[in-house]
Amino acid sequence: MRDSGHKENSSGSHSEFLSALMELTPVECSVLELTGKGNSAKEIADKLGMSIHTVHSHWKNVRKKLGLRGYGALKDWWRDNCPEWEK
């Protein structure tokens, strides 16, 4: 099984993971969705009317809130948790 980059918290609680997901802002959710669908930072910035730097800031915040490491973990998280939203 491939490591998705999800960091287990000390309790390993699924409810804590869901609570973290609920902390995402609407814009962070949009950035996560577009990332999961394979869009680049430039494509996301263009679609959402923001700078590439802002997209990178949102990626950082989403990873922190979901306990993920690395850009690839965002795409993996989306694929693993939102298959009905693919493309």
C-alpha atoms as a PDB file:
ATOM      1  CA  MET A   1       0.000   0.000   0.000  1.00  0.00           C
ATOM      2  CA  ARG A   2       1.327   3.431  -0.936  1.00  0.00           C
ATOM      3  CA  ASP A   3       1.889   6.026   1.777  1.00  0.00           C
ATOM      4  CA  SER A   4      -0.458   8.915   1.060  1.00  0.00           C
ATOM      5  CA  GLY A   5       1.488  11.273   3.285  1.00  0.00           C
ATOM      6  CA  HIS A   6      -1.259  11.349   5.909  1.00  0.00           C
ATOM      7  CA  LYS A   7       0.263  11.778   9.326  1.00  0.00           C
ATOM      8  CA  GLU A   8      -1.472   9.719  11.987  1.00  0.00           C
ATOM      9  CA  ASN A   9      -2.175  11.782  15.060  1.00  0.00           C
ATOM     10  CA  SER A  10      -1.406  10.347  18.485  1.00  0.00           C
ATOM     11  CA  SER A  11      -4.931   8.997  18.985  1.00  0.00           C
ATOM     12  CA  GLY A  12      -5.378   8.005  15.336  1.00  0.00           C
ATOM     13  CA  SER A  13      -8.961   9.226  15.647  1.00  0.00           C
ATOM     14  CA  HIS A  14     -11.048   9.310  12.491  1.00  0.00           C
ATOM     15  CA  SER A  15     -13.294  11.960  14.076  1.00  0.00           C
ATOM     16  CA  GLU A  16     -10.292  14.246  14.581  1.00  0.00           C
ATOM     17  CA  PHE A  17      -9.425  13.858  10.894  1.00  0.00           C
ATOM     18  CA  LEU A  18     -13.013  14.759   9.921  1.00  0.00           C
ATOM     19  CA  SER A  19     -12.938  17.730  12.290  1.00  0.00           C
ATOM     20  CA  ALA A  20      -9.797  18.983  10.560  1.00  0.00           C
ATOM     21  CA  LEU A  21     -11.533  18.638   7.188  1.00  0.00           C
ATOM     22  CA  MET A  22     -14.428  20.752   8.456  1.00  0.00           C
ATOM     23  CA  GLU A  23     -11.952  23.546   9.286  1.00  0.00           C
ATOM     24  CA  LEU A  24     -11.209  24.170   5.600  1.00  0.00           C
ATOM     25  CA  THR A  25     -12.490  27.446   4.224  1.00  0.00           C
ATOM     26  CA  PRO A  26     -14.564  27.456   1.014  1.00  0.00           C
ATOM     27  CA  VAL A  27     -11.546  28.722  -0.932  1.00  0.00           C
ATOM     28  CA  GLU A  28      -9.313  26.024   0.552  1.00  0.00           C
ATOM     29  CA  CYS A  29     -11.908  23.431  -0.488  1.00  0.00           C
ATOM     30  CA  SER A  30     -11.881  24.823  -4.030  1.00  0.00           C
ATOM     31  CA  VAL A  31      -8.085  24.756  -4.158  1.00  0.00           C
ATOM     32  CA  LEU A  32      -8.066  21.181  -2.821  1.00  0.00           C
ATOM     33  CA  GLU A  33     -10.658  20.088  -5.395  1.00  0.00           C
ATOM     34  CA  LEU A  34      -8.819  21.672  -8.320  1.00  0.00           C
ATOM     35  CA  THR A  35      -5.527  20.202  -7.072  1.00  0.00           C
ATOM     36  CA  GLY A  36      -7.084  16.778  -6.780  1.00  0.00           C
ATOM     37  CA  LYS A  37      -8.359  17.043 -10.322  1.00  0.00           C
ATOM     38  CA  GLY A  38      -4.806  17.608 -11.549  1.00  0.00           C
ATOM     39  CA  ASN A  39      -4.704  21.378 -12.012  1.00  0.00           C
ATOM     40  CA  SER A  40      -1.358  23.146 -11.639  1.00  0.00           C
ATOM     41  CA  ALA A  41      -0.833  26.134  -9.354  1.00  0.00           C
ATOM     42  CA  LYS A  42      -1.029  28.447 -12.376  1.00  0.00           C
ATOM     43  CA  GLU A  43      -4.281  26.865 -13.575  1.00  0.00           C
ATOM     44  CA  ILE A  44      -5.801  27.123 -10.093  1.00  0.00           C
ATOM     45  CA  ALA A  45      -4.668  30.748  -9.774  1.00  0.00           C
ATOM     46  CA  ASP A  46      -6.217  31.612 -13.133  1.00  0.00           C
ATOM     47  CA  LYS A  47      -9.493  29.812 -12.375  1.00  0.00           C
ATOM     48  CA  LEU A  48      -9.877  31.348  -8.916  1.00  0.00           C
ATOM     49  CA  GLY A  49      -8.497  34.801  -9.726  1.00  0.00           C
ATOM     50  CA  MET A  50      -5.567  34.719  -7.340  1.00  0.00           C
ATOM     51  CA  SER A  51      -1.791  34.685  -7.540  1.00  0.00           C
ATOM     52  CA  ILE A  52       0.283  31.519  -7.691  1.00  0.00           C
ATOM     53  CA  HIS A  53       1.767  32.549  -4.328  1.00  0.00           C
ATOM     54  CA  THR A  54      -1.734  32.548  -2.828  1.00  0.00           C
ATOM     55  CA  VAL A  55      -2.382  29.052  -4.205  1.00  0.00           C
ATOM     56  CA  HIS A  56       0.833  27.872  -2.534  1.00  0.00           C
ATOM     57  CA  SER A  57      -0.313  29.459   0.735  1.00  0.00           C
ATOM     58  CA  HIS A  58      -3.645  27.637   0.496  1.00  0.00           C
ATOM     59  CA  TRP A  59      -1.837  24.348  -0.218  1.00  0.00           C
ATOM     60  CA  LYS A  60       0.279  24.876   2.889  1.00  0.00           C
ATOM     61  CA  ASN A  61      -2.775  25.656   5.037  1.00  0.00           C
ATOM     62  CA  VAL A  62      -4.769  22.676   3.734  1.00  0.00           C
ATOM     63  CA  ARG A  63      -1.861  20.296   4.299  1.00  0.00           C
ATOM     64  CA  LYS A  64      -1.481  21.581   7.854  1.00  0.00           C
ATOM     65  CA  LYS A  65      -5.207  21.281   8.604  1.00  0.00           C
ATOM     66  CA  LEU A  66      -5.444  17.763   7.149  1.00  0.00           C
ATOM     67  CA  GLY A  67      -2.121  16.603   8.583  1.00  0.00           C
ATOM     68  CA  LEU A  68      -0.588  15.931   5.180  1.00  0.00           C
ATOM     69  CA  ARG A  69       2.984  16.232   3.961  1.00  0.00           C
ATOM     70  CA  GLY A  70       3.816  17.382   0.449  1.00  0.00           C
ATOM     71  CA  TYR A  71       1.892  18.467  -2.616  1.00  0.00           C
ATOM     72  CA  GLY A  72       1.406  14.889  -3.817  1.00  0.00           C
ATOM     73  CA  ALA A  73      -0.404  14.066  -0.579  1.00  0.00           C
ATOM     74  CA  LEU A  74      -3.118  16.596  -1.501  1.00  0.00           C
ATOM     75  CA  LYS A  75      -3.777  14.820  -4.790  1.00  0.00           C
ATOM     76  CA  ASP A  76      -3.690  11.429  -3.091  1.00  0.00           C
ATOM     77  CA  TRP A  77      -6.073  12.595  -0.358  1.00  0.00           C
ATOM     78  CA  TRP A  78      -8.540  13.864  -2.975  1.00  0.00           C
ATOM     79  CA  ARG A  79      -8.350  10.632  -4.984  1.00  0.00           C
ATOM     80  CA  ASP A  80      -8.775   8.460  -1.877  1.00  0.00           C
ATOM     81  CA  ASN A  81     -11.607  10.467  -0.295  1.00  0.00           C
ATOM     82  CA  CYS A  82     -13.520  12.056  -3.178  1.00  0.00           C
ATOM     83  CA  PRO A  83     -13.615   9.537  -6.044  1.00  0.00           C
ATOM     84  CA  GLU A  84     -17.109  10.627  -7.106  1.00  0.00           C
ATOM     85  CA  TRP A  85     -15.747  14.102  -7.921  1.00  0.00           C
ATOM     86  CA  GLU A  86     -13.027  12.916 -10.307  1.00  0.00           C
ATOM     87  CA  LYS A  87     -12.841  15.007 -13.483  1.00  0.00           C
END
